[in-house]
C-alpha atoms as a PDB file:
ATOM      1  CA  MET A   1      19.248 -10.238  -1.807  1.00  0.00           C
ATOM      2  CA  SER A   2      16.513  -7.913  -2.944  1.00  0.00           C
ATOM      3  CA  ILE A   3      16.614  -5.224  -0.232  1.00  0.00           C
ATOM      4  CA  ALA A   4      19.691  -3.119   0.465  1.00  0.00           C
ATOM      5  CA  VAL A   5      20.251  -0.409   3.064  1.00  0.00           C
ATOM      6  CA  PHE A   6      22.976   2.060   2.082  1.00  0.00           C
ATOM      7  CA  TYR A   7      24.445   4.677   4.411  1.00  0.00           C
ATOM      8  CA  LEU A   8      27.564   6.673   5.267  1.00  0.00           C
ATOM      9  CA  ARG A   9      29.281   6.020   8.598  1.00  0.00           C
ATOM     10  CA  ASN A  10      31.588   8.518  10.303  1.00  0.00           C
ATOM     11  CA  SER A  11      34.612   6.543  11.467  1.00  0.00           C
ATOM     12  CA  GLU A  12      36.180   9.423  13.434  1.00  0.00           C
ATOM     13  CA  PRO A  13      35.574  10.184  17.136  1.00  0.00           C
ATOM     14  CA  GLU A  14      33.160  12.974  18.025  1.00  0.00           C
ATOM     15  CA  GLY A  15      34.670  16.446  17.731  1.00  0.00           C
ATOM     16  CA  GLN A  16      37.055  15.530  14.902  1.00  0.00           C
ATOM     17  CA  THR A  17      36.543  16.137  11.179  1.00  0.00           C
ATOM     18  CA  PRO A  18      34.207  13.398   9.915  1.00  0.00           C
ATOM     19  CA  ILE A  19      35.526  10.763   7.550  1.00  0.00           C
ATOM     20  CA  TRP A  20      32.497   9.188   5.873  1.00  0.00           C
ATOM     21  CA  GLN A  21      32.771   5.534   4.869  1.00  0.00           C
ATOM     22  CA  PRO A  22      30.097   3.987   2.597  1.00  0.00           C
ATOM     23  CA  GLN A  23      28.298   0.984   4.095  1.00  0.00           C
ATOM     24  CA  CYS A  24      25.710  -1.496   2.800  1.00  0.00           C
ATOM     25  CA  ARG A  25      23.570  -4.185   4.473  1.00  0.00           C
ATOM     26  CA  ALA A  26      21.660  -6.761   2.416  1.00  0.00           C
ATOM     27  CA  PHE A  27      18.301  -8.335   3.299  1.00  0.00           C
ATOM     28  CA  SER A  28      16.015 -10.920   1.715  1.00  0.00           C
ATOM     29  CA  ASP A  29      12.465 -10.174   0.520  1.00  0.00           C
ATOM     30  CA  ALA A  30      11.066 -11.551   3.780  1.00  0.00           C
ATOM     31  CA  GLN A  31      13.208  -9.199   5.894  1.00  0.00           C
ATOM     32  CA  MET A  32      11.554  -5.874   4.967  1.00  0.00           C
ATOM     33  CA  SER A  33      10.631  -5.167   8.618  1.00  0.00           C
ATOM     34  CA  GLU A  34      14.223  -5.715   9.715  1.00  0.00           C
ATOM     35  CA  ALA A  35      15.545  -3.442   6.947  1.00  0.00           C
ATOM     36  CA  LEU A  36      13.109  -0.664   7.907  1.00  0.00           C
ATOM     37  CA  ALA A  37      14.030  -1.028  11.589  1.00  0.00           C
ATOM     38  CA  LEU A  38      17.717  -0.723  10.722  1.00  0.00           C
ATOM     39  CA  CYS A  39      16.999   2.466   8.733  1.00  0.00           C
ATOM     40  CA  GLN A  40      15.239   3.980  11.749  1.00  0.00           C
ATOM     41  CA  GLN A  41      18.076   3.002  14.056  1.00  0.00           C
ATOM     42  CA  LEU A  42      20.764   4.414  11.728  1.00  0.00           C
ATOM     43  CA  ARG A  43      18.902   7.704  11.197  1.00  0.00           C
ATOM     44  CA  LYS A  44      18.759   8.310  14.974  1.00  0.00           C
ATOM     45  CA  ASP A  45      22.554   7.974  15.288  1.00  0.00           C
ATOM     46  CA  GLU A  46      24.494  11.130  14.311  1.00  0.00           C
ATOM     47  CA  ARG A  47      27.433   8.988  13.173  1.00  0.00           C
ATOM     48  CA  HIS A  48      25.369   7.953  10.128  1.00  0.00           C
ATOM     49  CA  ALA A  49      24.207  10.031   7.162  1.00  0.00           C
ATOM     50  CA  HIS A  50      22.333   9.566   3.876  1.00  0.00           C
ATOM     51  CA  VAL A  51      20.516   6.434   5.011  1.00  0.00           C
ATOM     52  CA  VAL A  52      18.503   4.994   2.097  1.00  0.00           C
ATOM     53  CA  ILE A  53      16.733   1.745   1.334  1.00  0.00           C
ATOM     54  CA  SER A  54      16.457   0.198  -2.102  1.00  0.00           C
ATOM     55  CA  SER A  55      14.451  -2.863  -3.048  1.00  0.00           C
ATOM     56  CA  GLU A  56      13.538  -5.109  -5.923  1.00  0.00           C
ATOM     57  CA  LEU A  57      10.671  -7.008  -4.325  1.00  0.00           C
ATOM     58  CA  ARG A  58       9.784  -9.447  -7.052  1.00  0.00           C
ATOM     59  CA  ASP A  59       6.357 -10.318  -5.656  1.00  0.00           C
ATOM     60  CA  MET A  60       5.178  -6.706  -5.154  1.00  0.00           C
ATOM     61  CA  VAL A  61       3.002  -5.184  -7.854  1.00  0.00           C
ATOM     62  CA  GLY A  62       0.302  -3.452  -5.813  1.00  0.00           C
ATOM     63  CA  PRO A  63      -0.652  -2.541  -2.254  1.00  0.00           C
ATOM     64  CA  VAL A  64       0.732  -4.738   0.503  1.00  0.00           C
ATOM     65  CA  GLY A  65      -1.611  -7.591   1.388  1.00  0.00           C
ATOM     66  CA  VAL A  66      -3.346  -7.890  -1.985  1.00  0.00           C
ATOM     67  CA  SER A  67      -2.473 -11.321  -3.310  1.00  0.00           C
ATOM     68  CA  ALA A  68      -5.120 -11.604  -6.035  1.00  0.00           C
ATOM     69  CA  VAL A  69      -7.758  -9.499  -7.778  1.00  0.00           C
ATOM     70  CA  GLU A  70     -10.731 -11.106  -9.467  1.00  0.00           C
ATOM     71  CA  ASP A  71     -13.491  -9.105 -11.135  1.00  0.00           C
ATOM     72  CA  GLY A  72     -12.132  -5.881  -9.569  1.00  0.00           C
ATOM     73  CA  LYS A  73     -12.268  -7.225  -5.969  1.00  0.00           C
ATOM     74  CA  THR A  74      -9.606  -8.348  -3.496  1.00  0.00           C
ATOM     75  CA  PRO A  75      -9.964 -11.747  -1.777  1.00  0.00           C
ATOM     76  CA  ASP A  76     -11.790 -10.072   1.149  1.00  0.00           C
ATOM     77  CA  GLY A  77     -14.354  -8.449  -1.208  1.00  0.00           C
ATOM     78  CA  VAL A  78     -13.003  -4.883  -1.189  1.00  0.00           C
ATOM     79  CA  ASP A  79     -13.033  -2.954  -4.491  1.00  0.00           C
ATOM     80  CA  TYR A  80      -9.536  -2.803  -5.958  1.00  0.00           C
ATOM     81  CA  GLN A  81      -8.848   0.735  -7.244  1.00  0.00           C
ATOM     82  CA  TRP A  82      -5.038   0.886  -7.350  1.00  0.00           C
ATOM     83  CA  SER A  83      -3.079   1.285 -10.568  1.00  0.00           C
ATOM     84  CA  LYS A  84       0.531   2.213 -11.135  1.00  0.00           C
ATOM     85  CA  ALA A  85      -0.518   4.913 -13.603  1.00  0.00           C
ATOM     86  CA  GLY A  86      -2.603   6.657 -10.931  1.00  0.00           C
ATOM     87  CA  ARG A  87       0.258   6.949  -8.438  1.00  0.00           C
ATOM     88  CA  ALA A  88       1.776  10.065 -10.024  1.00  0.00           C
ATOM     89  CA  GLY A  89      -1.442  12.090  -9.922  1.00  0.00           C
ATOM     90  CA  ALA A  90      -3.408  13.614 -12.757  1.00  0.00           C
ATOM     91  CA  SER A  91      -1.545  14.415 -15.922  1.00  0.00           C
ATOM     92  CA  ARG A  92      -1.312  18.048 -16.988  1.00  0.00           C
ATOM     93  CA  ARG A  93      -3.394  17.176 -20.056  1.00  0.00           C
ATOM     94  CA  ASN A  94      -6.372  16.512 -17.776  1.00  0.00           C
ATOM     95  CA  ALA A  95      -5.682  19.308 -15.288  1.00  0.00           C
ATOM     96  CA  ALA A  96      -8.390  21.908 -14.644  1.00  0.00           C
ATOM     97  CA  GLU A  97      -5.954  24.791 -15.138  1.00  0.00           C
ATOM     98  CA  PRO A  98      -2.511  25.189 -16.748  1.00  0.00           C
ATOM     99  CA  PRO A  99       0.616  25.058 -14.585  1.00  0.00           C
ATOM    100  CA  ARG A 100       1.363  28.304 -12.770  1.00  0.00           C
ATOM    101  CA  GLN A 101       4.508  30.243 -13.510  1.00  0.00           C
ATOM    102  CA  ARG A 102       6.764  31.272 -10.631  1.00  0.00           C
ATOM    103  CA  GLN A 103       6.259  34.980 -11.394  1.00  0.00           C
ATOM    104  CA  ASP A 104       2.470  34.514 -11.097  1.00  0.00           C
ATOM    105  CA  MET A 105       2.659  33.023  -7.592  1.00  0.00           C
ATOM    106  CA  ASP A 106       2.048  35.079  -4.447  1.00  0.00           C
ATOM    107  CA  CYS A 107       5.199  35.103  -2.345  1.00  0.00           C
END
């Protein structure tokens, strides 16, 4: 199990005070599509709340579909630009201007 879908399920009939019961469904690495489909299905049903997915995909280190990078290129010849460090955006150290204070913002 490396993918888990967690959610709360209301076990009471409609119109009564909800009683939320925690639920969990486990999936293998290869079942990501099924886990995502379950999340969509649960989120559409008002009897479910706080639907989240958690994963520890052991083979994932970059964008989906990139299995190898050699000399800065993917197997199909596309330049590989992704890095984990770049996912969070520019650091404040390199920002063009300092962070704005709430009192300086136009409301």
